[in-house]
Amino acid sequence: MESEKPDETTAEAARTLRIDVRVSPDEKKELQEKAMAAGYKKVSAYLRDVGRGVEIKESVPAELRRQLVGIGTNLNQIARLAQAGKSFSNHEAQLLEALTIIRGYLI
């Protein structure tokens, strides 16, 4: 998810004004991490988009995306069994594994 558009070099050339903002070392690190997580190469581009109200979405790592798809598939299978009135107790291990993975990303 690259924030810099093809005409970014033209826009960059038109930018002649600066806005200086003082931040603590922790704030700087947090902003850098957020910019990187959203796929930005430069914090300035990230801050410019945030300031202009552009919706910022974090990039989802491929491994996490793969795991979430697998969890979703398992949950759909279990939901179908439950709706059909069938027991899904033999899927308990899958549920626990899915919950463990989800908790790992939330904590």
C-alpha atoms as a PDB file:
ATOM      1  CA  MET A   1       0.000   0.000   0.000  1.00  0.00           C
ATOM      2  CA  GLU A   2       2.131   2.819  -1.301  1.00  0.00           C
ATOM      3  CA  SER A   3       0.871   6.251  -0.374  1.00  0.00           C
ATOM      4  CA  GLU A   4       2.900   8.131  -2.920  1.00  0.00           C
ATOM      5  CA  LYS A   5       0.897   8.493  -6.101  1.00  0.00           C
ATOM      6  CA  PRO A   6       2.448   8.528  -9.607  1.00  0.00           C
ATOM      7  CA  ASP A   7       2.200  12.347  -9.681  1.00  0.00           C
ATOM      8  CA  GLU A   8       3.792  12.597  -6.211  1.00  0.00           C
ATOM      9  CA  THR A   9       7.068  13.921  -7.696  1.00  0.00           C
ATOM     10  CA  THR A  10       5.162  16.819  -9.277  1.00  0.00           C
ATOM     11  CA  ALA A  11       3.362  17.526  -6.011  1.00  0.00           C
ATOM     12  CA  GLU A  12       6.672  17.217  -4.130  1.00  0.00           C
ATOM     13  CA  ALA A  13       8.217  19.881  -6.363  1.00  0.00           C
ATOM     14  CA  ALA A  14       5.307  22.229  -5.606  1.00  0.00           C
ATOM     15  CA  ARG A  15       5.798  21.863  -1.853  1.00  0.00           C
ATOM     16  CA  THR A  16       7.944  24.720  -0.698  1.00  0.00           C
ATOM     17  CA  LEU A  17       6.585  25.370   2.788  1.00  0.00           C
ATOM     18  CA  ARG A  18       7.504  23.533   5.977  1.00  0.00           C
ATOM     19  CA  ILE A  19       5.628  22.876   9.188  1.00  0.00           C
ATOM     20  CA  ASP A  20       7.899  22.053  12.101  1.00  0.00           C
ATOM     21  CA  VAL A  21       6.444  19.960  14.892  1.00  0.00           C
ATOM     22  CA  ARG A  22       8.266  19.029  18.074  1.00  0.00           C
ATOM     23  CA  VAL A  23       7.748  15.515  19.397  1.00  0.00           C
ATOM     24  CA  SER A  24       9.284  13.382  22.127  1.00  0.00           C
ATOM     25  CA  PRO A  25      11.478  10.413  21.181  1.00  0.00           C
ATOM     26  CA  ASP A  26       8.602   8.067  22.064  1.00  0.00           C
ATOM     27  CA  GLU A  27       6.161  10.034  19.920  1.00  0.00           C
ATOM     28  CA  LYS A  28       8.593  10.024  16.997  1.00  0.00           C
ATOM     29  CA  LYS A  29       9.016   6.266  17.264  1.00  0.00           C
ATOM     30  CA  GLU A  30       5.245   5.754  17.452  1.00  0.00           C
ATOM     31  CA  LEU A  31       4.666   7.924  14.368  1.00  0.00           C
ATOM     32  CA  GLN A  32       7.375   6.073  12.444  1.00  0.00           C
ATOM     33  CA  GLU A  33       5.869   2.712  13.391  1.00  0.00           C
ATOM     34  CA  LYS A  34       2.371   3.812  12.391  1.00  0.00           C
ATOM     35  CA  ALA A  35       3.613   5.172   9.071  1.00  0.00           C
ATOM     36  CA  MET A  36       5.482   1.950   8.349  1.00  0.00           C
ATOM     37  CA  ALA A  37       2.505  -0.209   9.375  1.00  0.00           C
ATOM     38  CA  ALA A  38       0.324   1.745   6.944  1.00  0.00           C
ATOM     39  CA  GLY A  39       2.827   1.205   4.124  1.00  0.00           C
ATOM     40  CA  TYR A  40       4.332   4.682   3.979  1.00  0.00           C
ATOM     41  CA  LYS A  41       8.011   5.184   3.161  1.00  0.00           C
ATOM     42  CA  LYS A  42       8.106   8.659   4.692  1.00  0.00           C
ATOM     43  CA  VAL A  43       6.599   9.892   7.954  1.00  0.00           C
ATOM     44  CA  SER A  44       5.985  13.256   6.299  1.00  0.00           C
ATOM     45  CA  ALA A  45       3.708  11.651   3.681  1.00  0.00           C
ATOM     46  CA  TYR A  46       1.864   9.803   6.452  1.00  0.00           C
ATOM     47  CA  LEU A  47       1.389  12.982   8.514  1.00  0.00           C
ATOM     48  CA  ARG A  48       0.290  14.928   5.437  1.00  0.00           C
ATOM     49  CA  ASP A  49      -2.412  12.352   4.689  1.00  0.00           C
ATOM     50  CA  VAL A  50      -3.520  12.153   8.339  1.00  0.00           C
ATOM     51  CA  GLY A  51      -3.755  15.942   8.479  1.00  0.00           C
ATOM     52  CA  ARG A  52      -5.832  16.043   5.301  1.00  0.00           C
ATOM     53  CA  GLY A  53      -8.243  13.432   6.662  1.00  0.00           C
ATOM     54  CA  VAL A  54      -7.229  10.602   4.328  1.00  0.00           C
ATOM     55  CA  GLU A  55      -8.387   7.244   5.712  1.00  0.00           C
ATOM     56  CA  ILE A  56      -5.283   5.393   6.877  1.00  0.00           C
ATOM     57  CA  LYS A  57      -5.354   1.593   6.891  1.00  0.00           C
ATOM     58  CA  GLU A  58      -2.621  -0.597   8.274  1.00  0.00           C
ATOM     59  CA  SER A  59      -1.190  -3.170   5.924  1.00  0.00           C
ATOM     60  CA  VAL A  60      -1.968  -6.710   7.014  1.00  0.00           C
ATOM     61  CA  PRO A  61       1.094  -8.989   6.895  1.00  0.00           C
ATOM     62  CA  ALA A  62       0.683 -11.924   4.492  1.00  0.00           C
ATOM     63  CA  GLU A  63       1.137 -14.521   7.247  1.00  0.00           C
ATOM     64  CA  LEU A  64      -1.570 -12.923   9.397  1.00  0.00           C
ATOM     65  CA  ARG A  65      -3.888 -12.693   6.393  1.00  0.00           C
ATOM     66  CA  ARG A  66      -3.334 -16.419   5.685  1.00  0.00           C
ATOM     67  CA  GLN A  67      -4.087 -17.329   9.301  1.00  0.00           C
ATOM     68  CA  LEU A  68      -7.230 -15.187   9.374  1.00  0.00           C
ATOM     69  CA  VAL A  69      -8.516 -16.804   6.188  1.00  0.00           C
ATOM     70  CA  GLY A  70      -7.932 -20.234   7.737  1.00  0.00           C
ATOM     71  CA  ILE A  71      -9.697 -19.218  10.949  1.00  0.00           C
ATOM     72  CA  GLY A  72     -12.619 -17.833   8.964  1.00  0.00           C
ATOM     73  CA  THR A  73     -12.908 -21.079   7.013  1.00  0.00           C
ATOM     74  CA  ASN A  74     -12.898 -23.139  10.206  1.00  0.00           C
ATOM     75  CA  LEU A  75     -15.518 -20.899  11.836  1.00  0.00           C
ATOM     76  CA  ASN A  76     -17.761 -21.163   8.770  1.00  0.00           C
ATOM     77  CA  GLN A  77     -17.549 -24.966   8.896  1.00  0.00           C
ATOM     78  CA  ILE A  78     -18.408 -24.969  12.596  1.00  0.00           C
ATOM     79  CA  ALA A  79     -21.299 -22.531  12.027  1.00  0.00           C
ATOM     80  CA  ARG A  80     -22.745 -24.788   9.313  1.00  0.00           C
ATOM     81  CA  LEU A  81     -22.591 -27.765  11.681  1.00  0.00           C
ATOM     82  CA  ALA A  82     -24.249 -25.762  14.457  1.00  0.00           C
ATOM     83  CA  GLN A  83     -27.022 -24.544  12.147  1.00  0.00           C
ATOM     84  CA  ALA A  84     -27.637 -28.115  11.004  1.00  0.00           C
ATOM     85  CA  GLY A  85     -28.024 -29.134  14.641  1.00  0.00           C
ATOM     86  CA  LYS A  86     -24.933 -31.331  14.525  1.00  0.00           C
ATOM     87  CA  SER A  87     -22.337 -31.606  17.250  1.00  0.00           C
ATOM     88  CA  PHE A  88     -19.093 -29.764  16.702  1.00  0.00           C
ATOM     89  CA  SER A  89     -17.331 -30.936  19.835  1.00  0.00           C
ATOM     90  CA  ASN A  90     -14.662 -32.641  17.719  1.00  0.00           C
ATOM     91  CA  HIS A  91     -13.766 -29.158  16.396  1.00  0.00           C
ATOM     92  CA  GLU A  92     -12.975 -27.843  19.870  1.00  0.00           C
ATOM     93  CA  ALA A  93      -9.218 -28.040  19.225  1.00  0.00           C
ATOM     94  CA  GLN A  94      -9.611 -25.903  16.086  1.00  0.00           C
ATOM     95  CA  LEU A  95     -11.595 -23.315  18.020  1.00  0.00           C
ATOM     96  CA  LEU A  96      -9.024 -23.146  20.803  1.00  0.00           C
ATOM     97  CA  GLU A  97      -6.192 -22.815  18.272  1.00  0.00           C
ATOM     98  CA  ALA A  98      -8.034 -20.013  16.472  1.00  0.00           C
ATOM     99  CA  LEU A  99      -8.655 -18.175  19.737  1.00  0.00           C
ATOM    100  CA  THR A 100      -4.997 -18.537  20.728  1.00  0.00           C
ATOM    101  CA  ILE A 101      -3.857 -17.013  17.420  1.00  0.00           C
ATOM    102  CA  ILE A 102      -6.346 -14.162  17.688  1.00  0.00           C
ATOM    103  CA  ARG A 103      -5.383 -13.408  21.302  1.00  0.00           C
ATOM    104  CA  GLY A 104      -1.707 -13.366  20.285  1.00  0.00           C
ATOM    105  CA  TYR A 105      -2.370 -10.532  17.847  1.00  0.00           C
ATOM    106  CA  LEU A 106      -4.615  -8.593  20.209  1.00  0.00           C
ATOM    107  CA  ILE A 107      -2.295  -8.600  23.232  1.00  0.00           C
END
